[in-house]
């Protein structure tokens, strides 16, 4: 009957308008981000043209968040959290953060990927920097960097079932020591390998490639990477590396997979260099979209630059048109 079609049409149009208003160009957050990106015209253009909604995830909930005090273990509210790691799956956005004043436990924050709701905050044991995150959906595990050369796993089911207002941190499923990596700053999963790398301010860093099925063994291969590297991720036949430190512009470098195999991810070898706002942390790829998180909105940095207080989502096909 025709009137049923009209009802569904009205419902569909209303839902489209709602998402455009709440997530898109009519929202004040969207307009603020658009303005903040004006000094990065390519990034601003791709952000504006991205049809995926939501194309940003506000982080206001991170600036005053429930966690645990490190010394007493008591429930506490932290206003000093600093976002670091970022991972994306079909249904979730996972963000890590540490307390800049070192008074509170580091956190994992789980967001709904479709409606941006903060589903839960999960305290971690101690104060790990948690600069790298990855979701291994096939094994139902979360991978994260801790301190020094340690990485750990958390069961995805354990994360989803973790109770609200818990008085103890979530337990790690397993902790791995990677002696070849003195300080694990970031990680990624690619082609049955765990890639873990270092952050070096004054000179090139390096990364190790470890077989997921045998992390007790030494790195399969090692390679050089740009100084001040914050993240590594992969898209089609390319490798992307984020570089950032301080209030100057950040960069994302594009390399071929041949360069990755050769261990040659240095600035001079980059195929493409893209400029981004300062204080870029982890970047990750999911379904042709590049997800980026910045620490500039945290209390320690927001007075030093124009803060990006959101996770941004950019179309890789628009950002790098040469990629088909």
Protein backbone atom coordinates (compact mmCIF):
# COMPACT_ATOMS: atom_id res chain seq x y z
CA UNK A 1 0.00 0.00 0.00
CA UNK A 2 1.23 3.44 -0.96
CA UNK A 3 0.80 5.00 2.49
CA UNK A 4 3.19 2.43 4.01
CA UNK A 5 5.83 3.49 1.49
CA UNK A 6 5.21 7.14 2.43
CA UNK A 7 5.67 6.34 6.14
CA UNK A 8 8.96 4.54 5.50
CA UNK A 9 10.09 7.42 3.29
CA UNK A 10 9.34 9.94 6.04
CA UNK A 11 11.12 7.80 8.65
CA UNK A 12 14.15 7.40 6.38
CA UNK A 13 14.31 11.12 5.61
CA UNK A 14 13.96 12.01 9.29
CA UNK A 15 16.77 9.62 10.21
CA UNK A 16 18.99 11.07 7.47
CA UNK A 17 18.33 14.63 8.67
CA UNK A 18 18.95 13.58 12.28
CA UNK A 19 22.36 12.09 11.43
CA UNK A 20 23.28 15.12 9.34
CA UNK A 21 22.35 17.44 12.20
CA UNK A 22 23.86 15.38 15.00
CA UNK A 23 26.99 14.07 13.24
CA UNK A 24 27.50 16.30 10.25
CA UNK A 25 27.69 19.80 8.90
CA UNK A 26 24.92 21.25 11.04
CA UNK A 27 26.62 20.41 14.36
CA UNK A 28 28.73 22.94 16.26
CA UNK A 29 31.50 20.37 16.82
CA UNK A 30 31.74 19.78 13.08
CA UNK A 31 32.02 23.51 12.39
CA UNK A 32 34.69 23.88 15.06
CA UNK A 33 36.80 21.08 13.59
CA UNK A 34 36.36 22.48 10.09
CA UNK A 35 37.70 25.84 11.32
CA UNK A 36 40.62 24.24 13.16
CA UNK A 37 41.67 22.49 9.94
CA UNK A 38 41.81 25.64 7.85
CA UNK A 39 45.63 25.69 7.85
CA UNK A 40 45.60 22.16 6.40
CA UNK A 41 43.48 22.63 3.26
CA UNK A 42 43.75 19.08 1.93
CA UNK A 43 42.81 17.59 5.31
CA UNK A 44 39.94 20.07 5.66
CA UNK A 45 38.67 19.29 2.15
CA UNK A 46 38.71 15.53 2.73
CA UNK A 47 37.06 15.94 6.14
CA UNK A 48 34.25 18.04 4.66
CA UNK A 49 33.67 15.65 1.74
CA UNK A 50 33.69 12.43 3.76
CA UNK A 51 30.32 10.69 3.37
CA UNK A 52 30.89 8.31 6.29
CA UNK A 53 28.92 9.52 9.30
CA UNK A 54 30.07 9.98 11.95
CA UNK A 55 33.30 11.37 10.53
CA UNK A 56 34.43 12.56 13.96
CA UNK A 57 34.11 11.30 17.55
CA UNK A 58 34.13 14.02 20.25
CA UNK A 59 36.44 13.38 23.20
CA UNK A 60 34.87 15.67 25.81
CA UNK A 61 34.10 12.62 27.95
CA UNK A 62 37.84 12.00 28.30
CA UNK A 63 38.62 15.28 30.07
CA UNK A 64 36.71 14.25 33.21
CA UNK A 65 36.54 10.50 33.42
CA UNK A 66 36.14 7.75 36.02
CA UNK A 67 39.23 5.72 36.80
CA UNK A 68 41.22 4.41 39.80
CA UNK A 69 43.86 6.12 41.91
CA UNK A 70 47.20 4.37 41.44
CA UNK A 71 48.30 4.38 45.09
CA UNK A 72 45.03 3.63 46.90
CA UNK A 73 43.05 1.86 44.17
CA UNK A 74 40.03 3.97 45.09
CA UNK A 75 37.53 5.19 42.51
CA UNK A 76 38.57 8.61 41.26
CA UNK A 77 37.84 11.20 38.59
CA UNK A 78 40.77 12.21 36.41
CA UNK A 79 40.90 15.52 34.54
CA UNK A 80 44.41 14.90 33.21
CA UNK A 81 43.90 12.02 30.79
CA UNK A 82 45.90 12.13 27.55
CA UNK A 83 44.71 10.08 24.54
CA UNK A 84 47.28 7.85 22.86
CA UNK A 85 46.27 4.61 21.14
CA UNK A 86 43.41 3.99 18.73
CA UNK A 87 41.87 0.84 17.26
CA UNK A 88 38.74 0.30 15.17
CA UNK A 89 36.50 -2.68 14.45
CA UNK A 90 33.13 -3.13 12.78
CA UNK A 91 31.18 -2.06 15.87
CA UNK A 92 33.65 -0.32 18.19
CA UNK A 93 36.19 2.45 18.55
CA UNK A 94 38.80 1.68 21.20
CA UNK A 95 40.91 4.48 22.68
CA UNK A 96 43.69 4.38 25.26
CA UNK A 97 44.79 7.19 27.55
CA UNK A 98 47.22 7.78 30.41
CA UNK A 99 47.14 10.24 33.30
CA UNK A 100 49.65 13.03 32.62
CA UNK A 101 50.11 13.69 36.34
CA UNK A 102 50.59 9.94 36.97
CA UNK A 103 48.04 9.88 39.80
CA UNK A 104 45.52 7.60 38.12
CA UNK A 105 45.46 4.31 36.26
CA UNK A 106 45.63 4.40 32.49
CA UNK A 107 42.38 3.65 30.68
CA UNK A 108 40.76 1.96 27.74
CA UNK A 109 37.62 3.71 26.47
CA UNK A 110 35.14 1.85 24.29
CA UNK A 111 32.87 3.83 21.93
CA UNK A 112 30.06 2.67 19.69
CA UNK A 113 31.31 3.20 16.13
CA UNK A 114 27.87 4.10 14.76
CA UNK A 115 26.38 6.48 17.31
CA UNK A 116 29.57 7.61 19.15
CA UNK A 117 28.27 6.64 22.61
CA UNK A 118 30.90 5.97 25.26
CA UNK A 119 30.05 2.41 26.25
CA UNK A 120 32.53 1.93 29.08
CA UNK A 121 35.84 2.95 30.61
CA UNK A 122 38.21 0.20 31.67
CA UNK A 123 41.16 0.89 34.03
CA UNK A 124 44.51 -0.74 33.31
CA UNK A 125 46.99 -1.90 35.90
CA UNK A 126 49.44 0.88 36.78
CA UNK A 127 50.37 3.75 34.51
CA UNK A 128 51.37 2.33 31.11
CA UNK A 129 51.75 4.87 28.32
CA UNK A 130 49.62 2.69 26.00
CA UNK A 131 50.84 4.38 22.84
CA UNK A 132 49.76 1.48 20.63
CA UNK A 133 46.48 -0.42 20.29
CA UNK A 134 45.19 -3.05 17.87
CA UNK A 135 42.13 -5.27 17.68
CA UNK A 136 42.66 -8.81 16.39
CA UNK A 137 39.07 -9.75 15.57
CA UNK A 138 39.97 -13.23 14.35
CA UNK A 139 41.55 -14.12 17.70
CA UNK A 140 39.18 -11.89 19.72
CA UNK A 141 42.07 -10.08 21.38
CA UNK A 142 43.13 -6.53 22.12
CA UNK A 143 46.85 -5.82 21.77
CA UNK A 144 48.46 -2.89 23.59
CA UNK A 145 51.89 -1.53 24.39
CA UNK A 146 52.81 -1.15 28.06
CA UNK A 147 56.13 0.28 29.21
CA UNK A 148 59.67 -0.61 28.17
CA UNK A 149 59.61 -3.52 25.72
CA UNK A 150 56.38 -5.06 26.89
CA UNK A 151 53.16 -5.67 24.98
CA UNK A 152 50.05 -7.35 26.37
CA UNK A 153 46.77 -8.88 25.29
CA UNK A 154 43.28 -8.54 26.74
CA UNK A 155 40.44 -10.81 25.71
CA UNK A 156 37.79 -8.94 23.74
CA UNK A 157 35.07 -10.81 25.64
CA UNK A 158 36.69 -9.78 28.95
CA UNK A 159 36.73 -6.16 27.83
CA UNK A 160 33.07 -6.20 26.79
CA UNK A 161 32.01 -7.92 30.02
CA UNK A 162 34.09 -5.71 32.31
CA UNK A 163 31.78 -4.20 34.97
CA UNK A 164 31.15 -0.47 35.35
CA UNK A 165 32.66 1.24 38.38
CA UNK A 166 35.05 -1.68 38.89
CA UNK A 167 37.38 -1.36 41.86
CA UNK A 168 40.20 -3.32 40.22
CA UNK A 169 41.92 -2.98 36.83
CA UNK A 170 41.18 -5.43 34.07
CA UNK A 171 43.54 -8.43 33.98
CA UNK A 172 45.95 -8.90 31.08
CA UNK A 173 45.50 -12.18 29.27
CA UNK A 174 49.25 -12.39 28.64
CA UNK A 175 52.28 -10.08 28.75
CA UNK A 176 55.15 -10.49 26.28
CA UNK A 177 58.64 -9.09 26.75
CA UNK A 178 60.33 -8.01 23.51
CA UNK A 179 63.98 -7.45 24.49
CA UNK A 180 64.86 -6.14 21.01
CA UNK A 181 62.46 -3.19 21.55
CA UNK A 182 63.71 -1.12 24.51
CA UNK A 183 60.50 0.94 24.61
CA UNK A 184 57.43 -0.17 22.68
CA UNK A 185 55.81 3.09 21.54
CA UNK A 186 53.28 1.79 18.98
CA UNK A 187 52.12 -1.41 17.33
CA UNK A 188 50.00 -2.77 14.51
CA UNK A 189 48.83 -6.14 13.22
CA UNK A 190 49.41 -6.98 9.57
CA UNK A 191 49.53 -10.27 7.67
CA UNK A 192 49.84 -12.49 10.77
CA UNK A 193 52.58 -10.30 12.20
CA UNK A 194 52.78 -7.94 15.15
CA UNK A 195 54.76 -4.82 14.21
CA UNK A 196 56.19 -2.98 17.22
CA UNK A 197 58.33 0.16 17.01
CA UNK A 198 60.23 2.79 18.96
CA UNK A 199 59.87 6.55 19.28
CA UNK A 200 63.15 8.46 18.94
CA UNK A 201 63.30 12.25 19.14
CA UNK A 202 66.81 12.87 17.80
CA UNK A 203 67.37 10.11 15.27
CA UNK A 204 65.64 7.38 13.30
CA UNK A 205 63.76 4.77 15.24
CA UNK A 206 63.30 1.13 14.36
CA UNK A 207 60.56 -1.47 14.30
CA UNK A 208 60.46 -5.23 14.71
CA UNK A 209 58.17 -7.71 12.99
CA UNK A 210 57.06 -10.65 15.12
CA UNK A 211 55.13 -13.75 14.09
CA UNK A 212 51.85 -13.72 16.00
CA UNK A 213 51.97 -17.46 16.36
CA UNK A 214 55.37 -17.34 18.08
CA UNK A 215 56.03 -14.12 20.00
CA UNK A 216 58.58 -15.85 22.19
CA UNK A 217 60.99 -15.90 19.23
CA UNK A 218 63.15 -12.95 18.07
CA UNK A 219 61.86 -10.54 15.45
CA UNK A 220 61.43 -11.99 11.97
CA UNK A 221 62.81 -8.75 10.55
CA UNK A 222 63.77 -5.28 11.75
CA UNK A 223 63.74 -1.97 9.93
CA UNK A 224 64.43 1.74 10.20
CA UNK A 225 61.60 4.23 10.67
CA UNK A 226 61.31 8.02 10.78
CA UNK A 227 62.25 9.90 13.93
CA UNK A 228 59.38 10.85 16.25
CA UNK A 229 57.23 8.02 14.90
CA UNK A 230 53.88 7.70 16.66
CA UNK A 231 52.11 4.98 14.69
CA UNK A 232 52.28 2.60 11.77
CA UNK A 233 49.33 1.23 9.80
CA UNK A 234 48.60 -0.38 6.43
CA UNK A 235 46.27 0.22 3.49
CA UNK A 236 46.16 -1.86 0.32
CA UNK A 237 49.77 -2.01 -0.93
CA UNK A 238 50.98 0.83 1.25
CA UNK A 239 52.34 1.51 4.71
CA UNK A 240 51.54 4.75 6.55
CA UNK A 241 53.63 6.19 9.38
CA UNK A 242 52.57 9.06 11.68
CA UNK A 243 55.22 11.47 12.96
CA UNK A 244 54.61 14.08 15.64
CA UNK A 245 56.23 15.87 18.55
CA UNK A 246 55.39 19.23 20.11
CA UNK A 247 53.33 22.11 18.70
CA UNK A 248 54.65 21.93 15.13
CA UNK A 249 52.69 20.30 12.31
CA UNK A 250 52.49 16.51 12.33
CA UNK A 251 53.13 14.37 9.27
CA UNK A 252 51.86 11.14 7.77
CA UNK A 253 54.32 9.44 5.43
CA UNK A 254 53.27 7.00 2.73
CA UNK A 255 55.58 4.12 1.80
CA UNK A 256 55.27 1.11 -0.48
CA UNK A 257 55.08 -2.39 0.96
CA UNK A 258 58.41 -3.08 -0.78
CA UNK A 259 59.96 -0.33 1.38
CA UNK A 260 58.36 -1.88 4.44
CA UNK A 261 59.81 -5.27 3.52
CA UNK A 262 63.23 -3.68 3.01
CA UNK A 263 63.03 -1.89 6.37
CA UNK A 264 63.35 1.53 4.74
CA UNK A 265 60.64 3.75 6.27
CA UNK A 266 62.76 6.91 6.48
CA UNK A 267 61.65 10.42 5.58
CA UNK A 268 63.78 10.74 2.43
CA UNK A 269 62.24 7.56 1.00
CA UNK A 270 58.58 8.52 1.51
CA UNK A 271 56.39 8.45 -1.60
CA UNK A 272 53.99 11.06 -0.21
CA UNK A 273 54.15 13.37 2.82
CA UNK A 274 50.93 14.81 4.26
CA UNK A 275 50.75 17.59 6.86
CA UNK A 276 48.37 17.41 9.82
CA UNK A 277 47.73 19.48 12.95
CA UNK A 278 50.16 19.10 15.88
CA UNK A 279 50.13 16.37 18.53
CA UNK A 280 48.98 13.54 16.27
CA UNK A 281 49.09 10.18 18.04
CA UNK A 282 47.93 6.83 16.65
CA UNK A 283 46.48 6.46 13.18
CA UNK A 284 44.71 3.32 12.00
CA UNK A 285 42.85 2.16 8.89
CA UNK A 286 39.45 0.53 8.68
CA UNK A 287 37.36 0.09 5.51
CA UNK A 288 39.06 2.74 3.34
CA UNK A 289 38.96 5.25 6.20
CA UNK A 290 41.90 6.71 8.12
CA UNK A 291 41.15 7.26 11.81
CA UNK A 292 43.34 9.76 13.67
CA UNK A 293 43.55 10.80 17.32
CA UNK A 294 45.36 13.86 18.69
CA UNK A 295 46.52 14.53 22.25
CA UNK A 296 46.23 18.30 21.83
CA UNK A 297 42.93 18.49 23.72
CA UNK A 298 44.47 17.10 26.91
CA UNK A 299 45.08 19.50 29.79
CA UNK A 300 48.85 19.34 29.34
CA UNK A 301 48.71 20.57 25.73
CA UNK A 302 45.51 22.44 24.99
CA UNK A 303 47.10 25.83 25.79
CA UNK A 304 50.03 25.17 23.45
CA UNK A 305 48.08 24.87 20.20
CA UNK A 306 44.60 24.90 18.70
CA UNK A 307 43.33 21.60 20.11
CA UNK A 308 41.63 18.90 18.05
CA UNK A 309 39.31 17.39 20.66
CA UNK A 310 37.99 14.57 18.51
CA UNK A 311 38.94 11.43 16.64
CA UNK A 312 38.87 12.34 12.94
CA UNK A 313 37.82 10.05 10.09
CA UNK A 314 39.14 10.74 6.59
CA UNK A 315 38.58 8.91 3.32
CA UNK A 316 41.90 7.46 2.16
CA UNK A 317 40.74 7.38 -1.44
CA UNK A 318 40.17 11.15 -1.26
CA UNK A 319 43.27 11.86 0.82
CA UNK A 320 45.54 10.03 -1.60
CA UNK A 321 43.79 9.95 -5.00
CA UNK A 322 46.65 8.00 -6.56
CA UNK A 323 45.56 4.99 -4.50
CA UNK A 324 42.90 3.11 -6.44
